[in-house]
């Protein structure tokens, strides 16, 4: 195991080593003597510090009279000032000889874009520290919000990611059921997306994904929820759509996406989509709806693509 990975940094728990190893391998290290200051109140800081050995103390000020928290091997320091872009609000001082690994802010944001799990881990660490320090809680609200968004948002399209979808879609479906209404779900896939990537490159593929996400926002109602399910597949939940109207709603969306003017859509290539649709059943859950809609999508692609198919009523 690489020496830099020995502490098992909490920030990278559950993250593929292939994502973080290059950053850790090239990261600068710093050794602090006991009593040496790493950060002071009012300083501008652009680095996240991973504690590899030793121990750091977080103090209300440089007088080190009030210990707010300790930072052990595997934990991190400096996250508030990095996330907020503001001066530090506390003093961080080595309580014993301590070695830290330095992660630049741009590297941190890049890593979170690659793996939202890192944002989730950082949010968990931040929450633990906020419980220890009420002053830090008031100062970190904006940073916490940014982390929550990073953990539930697809960085490319700005839509909900699969983690965010699971929670928000389930809550919305529960609300629909409580109100005695029903909902529709669409699984939507870009046809021959691999050909776009292979022939024009992944940058072009990314632009197509962004374009489709933007157009779906324009075509859907404010109450509809849309998420990037994975790859070129998207999921849409439409509250208040009764079973008899599901096919019409899917046709309207399919037609609207196809009618987007080529000159205004800013897509590098013309493309089509296939849609699988279903409606909610009594006591339904999101995973069951996804399974039915995905089966209908598979049928639409089997039958030639650029079309919609509705799951058979159960």
Protein backbone atom coordinates (compact mmCIF):
# COMPACT_ATOMS: atom_id res chain seq x y z
CA UNK A 1 0.00 0.00 0.00
CA UNK A 2 1.23 3.48 -0.80
CA UNK A 3 2.57 5.24 2.30
CA UNK A 4 0.23 8.20 1.68
CA UNK A 5 -2.75 5.85 1.99
CA UNK A 6 -1.77 4.22 5.31
CA UNK A 7 -3.90 6.40 7.59
CA UNK A 8 -7.00 5.60 5.54
CA UNK A 9 -8.08 9.21 5.02
CA UNK A 10 -11.77 9.62 5.88
CA UNK A 11 -12.15 11.98 2.93
CA UNK A 12 -11.52 9.13 0.49
CA UNK A 13 -13.52 6.39 2.21
CA UNK A 14 -15.46 4.42 -0.42
CA UNK A 15 -13.63 6.13 -3.31
CA UNK A 16 -11.69 4.21 -5.95
CA UNK A 17 -7.91 4.39 -5.38
CA UNK A 18 -7.54 5.17 -9.09
CA UNK A 19 -9.29 8.49 -8.47
CA UNK A 20 -7.19 9.67 -5.55
CA UNK A 21 -3.82 7.92 -5.89
CA UNK A 22 -2.41 10.31 -8.55
CA UNK A 23 -3.26 13.31 -6.36
CA UNK A 24 -1.81 11.76 -3.20
CA UNK A 25 1.33 10.61 -5.01
CA UNK A 26 2.13 14.13 -6.20
CA UNK A 27 0.90 16.04 -3.13
CA UNK A 28 3.27 18.17 -1.09
CA UNK A 29 3.84 17.21 2.55
CA UNK A 30 4.63 19.38 5.54
CA UNK A 31 6.07 18.42 8.91
CA UNK A 32 5.07 20.53 11.93
CA UNK A 33 6.90 20.65 15.24
CA UNK A 34 4.93 20.54 18.47
CA UNK A 35 3.36 23.96 19.05
CA UNK A 36 3.87 25.07 15.42
CA UNK A 37 0.92 26.86 13.84
CA UNK A 38 -0.62 25.47 10.66
CA UNK A 39 -3.40 28.06 10.33
CA UNK A 40 -4.27 31.23 12.20
CA UNK A 41 -7.48 33.29 12.49
CA UNK A 42 -7.93 35.75 9.63
CA UNK A 43 -5.49 34.02 7.28
CA UNK A 44 -6.35 33.34 3.66
CA UNK A 45 -6.08 29.61 3.01
CA UNK A 46 -6.43 27.68 -0.25
CA UNK A 47 -5.30 24.26 0.98
CA UNK A 48 -6.92 21.23 2.58
CA UNK A 49 -4.61 19.42 5.01
CA UNK A 50 -4.87 15.66 5.54
CA UNK A 51 -3.30 14.56 8.81
CA UNK A 52 -1.00 11.63 8.15
CA UNK A 53 0.51 11.38 11.65
CA UNK A 54 0.47 13.31 14.91
CA UNK A 55 -2.40 15.51 16.12
CA UNK A 56 -3.70 19.01 15.50
CA UNK A 57 -5.67 21.21 17.88
CA UNK A 58 -8.33 23.71 16.78
CA UNK A 59 -8.42 26.78 19.03
CA UNK A 60 -10.68 29.82 19.15
CA UNK A 61 -7.64 32.08 18.71
CA UNK A 62 -3.86 31.97 18.64
CA UNK A 63 -3.72 32.27 22.43
CA UNK A 64 -4.70 28.55 22.50
CA UNK A 65 -6.73 29.01 25.66
CA UNK A 66 -9.93 27.43 24.32
CA UNK A 67 -9.54 24.06 22.56
CA UNK A 68 -12.48 23.57 20.23
CA UNK A 69 -11.55 20.23 18.67
CA UNK A 70 -8.69 17.84 17.92
CA UNK A 71 -7.83 16.52 14.47
CA UNK A 72 -6.47 12.98 14.38
CA UNK A 73 -4.60 11.00 11.67
CA UNK A 74 -6.92 10.35 8.75
CA UNK A 75 -8.92 13.56 9.34
CA UNK A 76 -8.53 16.92 7.63
CA UNK A 77 -8.09 20.60 8.47
CA UNK A 78 -8.73 23.82 6.58
CA UNK A 79 -11.94 22.66 4.90
CA UNK A 80 -14.04 25.66 5.95
CA UNK A 81 -11.74 28.31 4.51
CA UNK A 82 -11.26 26.32 1.28
CA UNK A 83 -14.99 25.81 0.72
CA UNK A 84 -16.04 29.33 1.67
CA UNK A 85 -13.13 31.19 0.08
CA UNK A 86 -13.00 33.29 3.26
CA UNK A 87 -10.31 33.87 5.88
CA UNK A 88 -9.88 31.19 8.54
CA UNK A 89 -11.92 31.60 11.75
CA UNK A 90 -9.75 29.58 14.16
CA UNK A 91 -6.16 28.65 14.94
CA UNK A 92 -4.90 25.18 14.01
CA UNK A 93 -1.74 24.20 15.89
CA UNK A 94 0.25 20.96 16.15
CA UNK A 95 -0.25 19.34 19.56
CA UNK A 96 2.69 17.01 18.85
CA UNK A 97 5.02 16.46 15.87
CA UNK A 98 2.61 16.19 12.97
CA UNK A 99 2.84 15.43 9.24
CA UNK A 100 0.17 16.68 6.84
CA UNK A 101 -0.55 16.06 3.15
CA UNK A 102 -1.54 19.22 1.26
CA UNK A 103 -4.45 19.12 -1.22
CA UNK A 104 -4.92 22.31 -3.26
CA UNK A 105 -8.44 23.73 -3.48
CA UNK A 106 -8.64 23.21 -7.24
CA UNK A 107 -7.65 19.58 -6.76
CA UNK A 108 -10.35 19.14 -4.10
CA UNK A 109 -13.11 20.54 -6.31
CA UNK A 110 -11.90 18.42 -9.23
CA UNK A 111 -11.97 15.30 -7.06
CA UNK A 112 -15.49 16.07 -5.84
CA UNK A 113 -16.64 16.52 -9.43
CA UNK A 114 -15.20 13.11 -10.28
CA UNK A 115 -16.62 11.40 -7.19
CA UNK A 116 -19.54 12.93 -5.26
CA UNK A 117 -18.72 10.43 -2.49
CA UNK A 118 -15.80 12.70 -1.58
CA UNK A 119 -18.21 15.59 -1.18
CA UNK A 120 -20.42 13.38 0.99
CA UNK A 121 -17.44 12.36 3.16
CA UNK A 122 -16.35 15.96 3.54
CA UNK A 123 -19.89 16.95 4.46
CA UNK A 124 -19.95 14.26 7.16
CA UNK A 125 -16.62 15.45 8.56
CA UNK A 126 -17.83 19.02 8.46
CA UNK A 127 -21.00 18.09 10.34
CA UNK A 128 -19.01 16.39 13.09
CA UNK A 129 -16.80 19.44 13.50
CA UNK A 130 -19.75 21.84 13.52
CA UNK A 131 -21.29 19.96 16.42
CA UNK A 132 -18.10 20.62 18.38
CA UNK A 133 -17.85 24.29 17.51
CA UNK A 134 -20.94 26.49 17.44
CA UNK A 135 -18.97 29.45 16.13
CA UNK A 136 -17.77 27.37 13.18
CA UNK A 137 -21.37 26.35 12.51
CA UNK A 138 -22.49 29.94 11.98
CA UNK A 139 -19.49 30.62 9.76
CA UNK A 140 -19.92 27.56 7.57
CA UNK A 141 -23.54 27.59 6.40
CA UNK A 142 -22.67 28.51 2.85
CA UNK A 143 -19.91 25.92 2.70
CA UNK A 144 -22.28 23.25 3.98
CA UNK A 145 -24.86 24.13 1.34
CA UNK A 146 -22.21 23.88 -1.37
CA UNK A 147 -21.25 20.42 -0.13
CA UNK A 148 -24.84 19.22 -0.04
CA UNK A 149 -25.34 20.37 -3.61
CA UNK A 150 -22.09 18.75 -4.70
CA UNK A 151 -23.14 15.46 -3.10
CA UNK A 152 -26.53 15.34 -4.86
CA UNK A 153 -25.88 17.14 -8.17
CA UNK A 154 -24.36 15.84 -11.38
CA UNK A 155 -21.42 18.21 -12.01
CA UNK A 156 -21.72 18.05 -15.81
CA UNK A 157 -25.43 18.73 -16.36
CA UNK A 158 -26.41 20.39 -13.09
CA UNK A 159 -29.26 17.90 -12.70
CA UNK A 160 -29.81 15.71 -9.69
CA UNK A 161 -27.45 12.76 -9.63
CA UNK A 162 -28.54 9.25 -8.69
CA UNK A 163 -27.98 9.88 -4.98
CA UNK A 164 -30.05 13.07 -5.04
CA UNK A 165 -32.72 11.42 -7.17
CA UNK A 166 -33.20 8.52 -4.78
CA UNK A 167 -34.10 10.82 -1.89
CA UNK A 168 -36.04 13.59 -3.62
CA UNK A 169 -38.01 11.35 -6.02
CA UNK A 170 -39.07 9.03 -3.17
CA UNK A 171 -40.26 11.96 -1.05
CA UNK A 172 -42.20 13.46 -3.96
CA UNK A 173 -43.83 10.12 -4.78
CA UNK A 174 -44.87 9.71 -1.13
CA UNK A 175 -46.45 13.17 -1.25
CA UNK A 176 -48.32 12.26 -4.45
CA UNK A 177 -49.69 9.12 -2.80
CA UNK A 178 -50.76 11.03 0.33
CA UNK A 179 -52.69 13.48 -1.85
CA UNK A 180 -54.47 10.61 -3.60
CA UNK A 181 -52.91 11.37 -6.97
CA UNK A 182 -50.64 9.45 -9.35
CA UNK A 183 -47.39 10.17 -11.17
CA UNK A 184 -45.61 9.25 -14.37
CA UNK A 185 -42.00 8.28 -14.80
CA UNK A 186 -39.87 8.40 -17.94
CA UNK A 187 -36.53 6.73 -18.49
CA UNK A 188 -34.90 8.57 -21.39
CA UNK A 189 -31.79 7.51 -23.33
CA UNK A 190 -29.79 9.21 -26.11
CA UNK A 191 -29.78 6.95 -29.17
CA UNK A 192 -26.39 5.71 -30.43
CA UNK A 193 -24.56 7.83 -27.88
CA UNK A 194 -21.46 5.65 -28.12
CA UNK A 195 -21.17 6.54 -31.81
CA UNK A 196 -21.09 10.24 -30.89
CA UNK A 197 -18.27 9.67 -28.42
CA UNK A 198 -16.36 7.42 -30.80
CA UNK A 199 -16.67 9.65 -33.85
CA UNK A 200 -16.53 13.15 -32.32
CA UNK A 201 -14.88 12.59 -28.96
CA UNK A 202 -16.04 12.68 -25.37
CA UNK A 203 -16.10 16.48 -25.30
CA UNK A 204 -18.79 16.42 -27.98
CA UNK A 205 -20.64 13.74 -26.03
CA UNK A 206 -20.56 15.94 -22.92
CA UNK A 207 -21.99 18.86 -24.90
CA UNK A 208 -24.85 16.65 -26.09
CA UNK A 209 -25.61 15.61 -22.51
CA UNK A 210 -25.59 19.24 -21.34
CA UNK A 211 -27.78 20.28 -24.25
CA UNK A 212 -30.35 17.59 -23.55
CA UNK A 213 -30.44 18.48 -19.86
CA UNK A 214 -31.04 22.15 -20.67
CA UNK A 215 -33.80 21.35 -23.15
CA UNK A 216 -35.57 19.00 -20.77
CA UNK A 217 -35.68 21.82 -18.21
CA UNK A 218 -37.30 24.03 -20.85
CA UNK A 219 -39.84 21.37 -21.86
CA UNK A 220 -40.87 20.11 -18.44
CA UNK A 221 -43.05 21.75 -15.81
CA UNK A 222 -41.49 23.37 -12.73
CA UNK A 223 -43.04 20.60 -10.61
CA UNK A 224 -41.37 17.82 -12.64
CA UNK A 225 -38.15 16.30 -11.33
CA UNK A 226 -35.33 15.25 -13.64
CA UNK A 227 -32.07 13.45 -12.85
CA UNK A 228 -29.10 12.05 -14.72
CA UNK A 229 -29.48 8.38 -13.93
CA UNK A 230 -26.10 7.42 -15.35
CA UNK A 231 -24.15 7.75 -18.60
CA UNK A 232 -26.56 8.93 -21.28
CA UNK A 233 -29.67 7.84 -19.38
CA UNK A 234 -32.00 10.27 -17.61
CA UNK A 235 -34.98 9.81 -15.31
CA UNK A 236 -38.01 12.10 -15.03
CA UNK A 237 -40.80 12.04 -12.41
CA UNK A 238 -43.97 13.91 -13.34
CA UNK A 239 -46.36 14.34 -10.37
CA UNK A 240 -50.08 14.60 -11.03
CA UNK A 241 -50.13 12.69 -14.32
CA UNK A 242 -52.91 10.08 -14.32
CA UNK A 243 -52.37 6.66 -15.93
CA UNK A 244 -54.43 7.49 -19.00
CA UNK A 245 -52.28 10.55 -19.79
CA UNK A 246 -48.82 8.96 -19.49
CA UNK A 247 -48.40 8.18 -23.18
CA UNK A 248 -49.58 11.65 -24.25
CA UNK A 249 -47.14 13.28 -21.80
CA UNK A 250 -44.29 11.15 -23.14
CA UNK A 251 -45.21 11.99 -26.73
CA UNK A 252 -45.25 15.72 -25.93
CA UNK A 253 -41.79 15.55 -24.40
CA UNK A 254 -40.41 13.44 -27.25
CA UNK A 255 -41.85 15.80 -29.84
CA UNK A 256 -40.64 18.92 -28.01
CA UNK A 257 -37.08 17.62 -27.78
CA UNK A 258 -37.13 16.66 -31.46
CA UNK A 259 -38.46 20.05 -32.51
CA UNK A 260 -35.65 22.06 -30.91
CA UNK A 261 -34.22 24.37 -33.57
CA UNK A 262 -30.75 23.16 -34.62
CA UNK A 263 -29.43 26.72 -34.73
CA UNK A 264 -30.34 27.44 -31.12
CA UNK A 265 -29.64 24.18 -29.39
CA UNK A 266 -25.84 24.46 -29.52
CA UNK A 267 -25.34 20.75 -29.90
CA UNK A 268 -22.36 19.52 -31.95
CA UNK A 269 -24.49 16.86 -33.62
CA UNK A 270 -28.11 16.02 -34.29
CA UNK A 271 -29.42 13.24 -32.07
CA UNK A 272 -32.62 11.45 -31.08
CA UNK A 273 -33.90 9.97 -27.84
CA UNK A 274 -35.90 6.93 -26.81
CA UNK A 275 -38.31 7.01 -23.87
CA UNK A 276 -39.70 4.28 -21.64
CA UNK A 277 -42.69 5.33 -19.55
CA UNK A 278 -44.78 4.04 -16.68
CA UNK A 279 -47.26 5.28 -14.10
CA UNK A 280 -47.33 4.88 -10.34
CA UNK A 281 -49.24 2.07 -8.68
CA UNK A 282 -50.71 1.99 -5.20
CA UNK A 283 -47.92 1.66 -2.65
CA UNK A 284 -45.30 2.07 -5.38
CA UNK A 285 -41.65 2.91 -4.75
CA UNK A 286 -39.19 4.69 -7.01
CA UNK A 287 -37.07 1.60 -7.65
CA UNK A 288 -40.11 -0.34 -8.89
CA UNK A 289 -41.09 2.49 -11.23
CA UNK A 290 -37.53 2.74 -12.53
CA UNK A 291 -37.53 -0.99 -13.26
CA UNK A 292 -40.77 -0.80 -15.26
CA UNK A 293 -39.79 2.35 -17.15
CA UNK A 294 -36.36 0.92 -17.92
CA UNK A 295 -37.93 -2.24 -19.32
CA UNK A 296 -40.14 -0.10 -21.58
CA UNK A 297 -37.07 1.90 -22.66
CA UNK A 298 -35.27 -1.32 -23.56
CA UNK A 299 -38.25 -2.28 -25.72
CA UNK A 300 -38.22 1.12 -27.46
CA UNK A 301 -34.56 0.70 -28.34
CA UNK A 302 -35.09 -2.89 -29.49
CA UNK A 303 -37.84 -1.74 -31.83
CA UNK A 304 -35.73 0.83 -33.64
CA UNK A 305 -35.04 3.74 -31.21
CA UNK A 306 -36.32 7.33 -31.53
CA UNK A 307 -39.69 6.33 -30.09
CA UNK A 308 -41.56 5.85 -26.84
CA UNK A 309 -42.95 2.73 -25.23
CA UNK A 310 -45.22 2.55 -22.19
CA UNK A 311 -44.95 -0.27 -19.69
CA UNK A 312 -47.94 -2.59 -19.69
CA UNK A 313 -50.42 -1.88 -16.89
CA UNK A 314 -50.05 -4.22 -13.89
